[in-house]
Amino acid sequence: MSNKDIAISFLQDAAAGKVDAAYSKVAPNFRHHNPHFPGDADSLKAGMAQAAAMFPNTTHEVQHVFEDGDLVAVHSRVQHAPN
């Protein structure tokens, strides 16, 4: 699996509420760029678990993915509810 594929799978699992499964696919010390959480993996995991509990019908649609060596950026659309 490429880093790009791992990143996409990680985000799809997290959006589906499978946060532990998502985190089993990535390095434990990864950094992210979500501005709503500190940059460490544990803070993001806690936020993803909370969002999964609050919004069980979340959908995740990948728009663009960029990979350069070990760096991956995913531009995606997350929708927590149909409206």
C-alpha atoms as a PDB file:
ATOM      1  CA  MET A   1       0.000   0.000   0.000  1.00  0.00           C
ATOM      2  CA  SER A   2       1.322   3.448  -0.861  1.00  0.00           C
ATOM      3  CA  ASN A   3       1.363   6.261   1.689  1.00  0.00           C
ATOM      4  CA  LYS A   4      -1.409   7.867  -0.350  1.00  0.00           C
ATOM      5  CA  ASP A   5      -3.566   4.724  -0.085  1.00  0.00           C
ATOM      6  CA  ILE A   6      -2.883   4.473   3.655  1.00  0.00           C
ATOM      7  CA  ALA A   7      -3.924   8.099   4.195  1.00  0.00           C
ATOM      8  CA  ILE A   8      -7.164   7.635   2.258  1.00  0.00           C
ATOM      9  CA  SER A   9      -7.984   4.403   4.097  1.00  0.00           C
ATOM     10  CA  PHE A  10      -7.208   6.076   7.429  1.00  0.00           C
ATOM     11  CA  LEU A  11      -9.630   8.936   6.741  1.00  0.00           C
ATOM     12  CA  GLN A  12     -12.365   6.653   5.393  1.00  0.00           C
ATOM     13  CA  ASP A  13     -12.156   4.403   8.461  1.00  0.00           C
ATOM     14  CA  ALA A  14     -12.183   7.382  10.821  1.00  0.00           C
ATOM     15  CA  ALA A  15     -15.215   8.897   9.073  1.00  0.00           C
ATOM     16  CA  ALA A  16     -16.992   5.535   9.340  1.00  0.00           C
ATOM     17  CA  GLY A  17     -16.417   5.528  13.114  1.00  0.00           C
ATOM     18  CA  LYS A  18     -13.642   2.905  12.964  1.00  0.00           C
ATOM     19  CA  VAL A  19     -11.101   5.150  14.678  1.00  0.00           C
ATOM     20  CA  ASP A  20      -9.028   2.355  16.255  1.00  0.00           C
ATOM     21  CA  ALA A  21      -8.843   0.531  12.905  1.00  0.00           C
ATOM     22  CA  ALA A  22      -7.786   3.777  11.236  1.00  0.00           C
ATOM     23  CA  TYR A  23      -4.981   4.331  13.720  1.00  0.00           C
ATOM     24  CA  SER A  24      -3.717   0.765  13.314  1.00  0.00           C
ATOM     25  CA  LYS A  25      -2.712   1.729   9.739  1.00  0.00           C
ATOM     26  CA  VAL A  26      -0.519   4.746  10.457  1.00  0.00           C
ATOM     27  CA  ALA A  27       2.691   5.503  12.337  1.00  0.00           C
ATOM     28  CA  PRO A  28       1.907   6.335  15.980  1.00  0.00           C
ATOM     29  CA  ASN A  29       3.854   9.611  15.841  1.00  0.00           C
ATOM     30  CA  PHE A  30       2.369  11.062  12.640  1.00  0.00           C
ATOM     31  CA  ARG A  31       1.607  14.776  12.386  1.00  0.00           C
ATOM     32  CA  HIS A  32      -1.551  16.229  10.869  1.00  0.00           C
ATOM     33  CA  HIS A  33      -2.766  19.605   9.666  1.00  0.00           C
ATOM     34  CA  ASN A  34      -6.298  19.733  11.084  1.00  0.00           C
ATOM     35  CA  PRO A  35      -6.493  23.258  12.546  1.00  0.00           C
ATOM     36  CA  HIS A  36      -9.100  22.234  15.141  1.00  0.00           C
ATOM     37  CA  PHE A  37      -6.667  20.046  17.133  1.00  0.00           C
ATOM     38  CA  PRO A  38      -3.059  20.183  18.294  1.00  0.00           C
ATOM     39  CA  GLY A  39      -0.721  18.554  15.736  1.00  0.00           C
ATOM     40  CA  ASP A  40      -0.146  15.288  17.603  1.00  0.00           C
ATOM     41  CA  ALA A  41      -1.857  12.011  16.698  1.00  0.00           C
ATOM     42  CA  ASP A  42      -3.456  11.445  20.119  1.00  0.00           C
ATOM     43  CA  SER A  43      -5.317  14.773  20.074  1.00  0.00           C
ATOM     44  CA  LEU A  44      -6.698  14.065  16.631  1.00  0.00           C
ATOM     45  CA  LYS A  45      -7.706  10.529  17.639  1.00  0.00           C
ATOM     46  CA  ALA A  46      -9.708  11.853  20.592  1.00  0.00           C
ATOM     47  CA  GLY A  47     -11.440  14.367  18.320  1.00  0.00           C
ATOM     48  CA  MET A  48     -12.207  11.726  15.701  1.00  0.00           C
ATOM     49  CA  ALA A  49     -13.676   9.391  18.331  1.00  0.00           C
ATOM     50  CA  GLN A  50     -15.851  12.198  19.671  1.00  0.00           C
ATOM     51  CA  ALA A  51     -17.029  13.138  16.155  1.00  0.00           C
ATOM     52  CA  ALA A  52     -17.819   9.487  15.375  1.00  0.00           C
ATOM     53  CA  ALA A  53     -20.016   9.292  18.480  1.00  0.00           C
ATOM     54  CA  MET A  54     -21.767  12.592  17.751  1.00  0.00           C
ATOM     55  CA  PHE A  55     -22.171  12.080  13.990  1.00  0.00           C
ATOM     56  CA  PRO A  56     -22.606   8.367  13.198  1.00  0.00           C
ATOM     57  CA  ASN A  57     -23.726   9.034   9.600  1.00  0.00           C
ATOM     58  CA  THR A  58     -20.616  10.931   8.508  1.00  0.00           C
ATOM     59  CA  THR A  59     -19.541  10.603   4.887  1.00  0.00           C
ATOM     60  CA  HIS A  60     -16.049  11.212   3.518  1.00  0.00           C
ATOM     61  CA  GLU A  61     -15.344  12.035  -0.115  1.00  0.00           C
ATOM     62  CA  VAL A  62     -11.759  12.410  -1.353  1.00  0.00           C
ATOM     63  CA  GLN A  63     -11.311  15.374  -3.683  1.00  0.00           C
ATOM     64  CA  HIS A  64      -7.524  15.374  -4.252  1.00  0.00           C
ATOM     65  CA  VAL A  65      -4.507  13.523  -2.870  1.00  0.00           C
ATOM     66  CA  PHE A  66      -0.908  14.655  -3.133  1.00  0.00           C
ATOM     67  CA  GLU A  67       2.072  12.484  -2.229  1.00  0.00           C
ATOM     68  CA  ASP A  68       5.712  13.537  -2.123  1.00  0.00           C
ATOM     69  CA  GLY A  69       7.942  10.962  -0.443  1.00  0.00           C
ATOM     70  CA  ASP A  70       6.701  10.484   3.114  1.00  0.00           C
ATOM     71  CA  LEU A  71       4.407  13.510   2.935  1.00  0.00           C
ATOM     72  CA  VAL A  72       0.754  13.075   1.985  1.00  0.00           C
ATOM     73  CA  ALA A  73      -1.959  15.712   1.785  1.00  0.00           C
ATOM     74  CA  VAL A  74      -5.614  14.775   1.351  1.00  0.00           C
ATOM     75  CA  HIS A  75      -8.209  17.342   0.357  1.00  0.00           C
ATOM     76  CA  SER A  76     -11.578  15.841   1.190  1.00  0.00           C
ATOM     77  CA  ARG A  77     -15.160  16.701   1.925  1.00  0.00           C
ATOM     78  CA  VAL A  78     -16.592  15.494   5.211  1.00  0.00           C
ATOM     79  CA  GLN A  79     -20.322  15.712   5.780  1.00  0.00           C
ATOM     80  CA  HIS A  80     -21.656  14.898   9.235  1.00  0.00           C
ATOM     81  CA  ALA A  81     -25.347  15.016   8.280  1.00  0.00           C
ATOM     82  CA  PRO A  82     -27.360  15.030   5.042  1.00  0.00           C
ATOM     83  CA  ASN A  83     -28.278  18.694   5.441  1.00  0.00           C
END
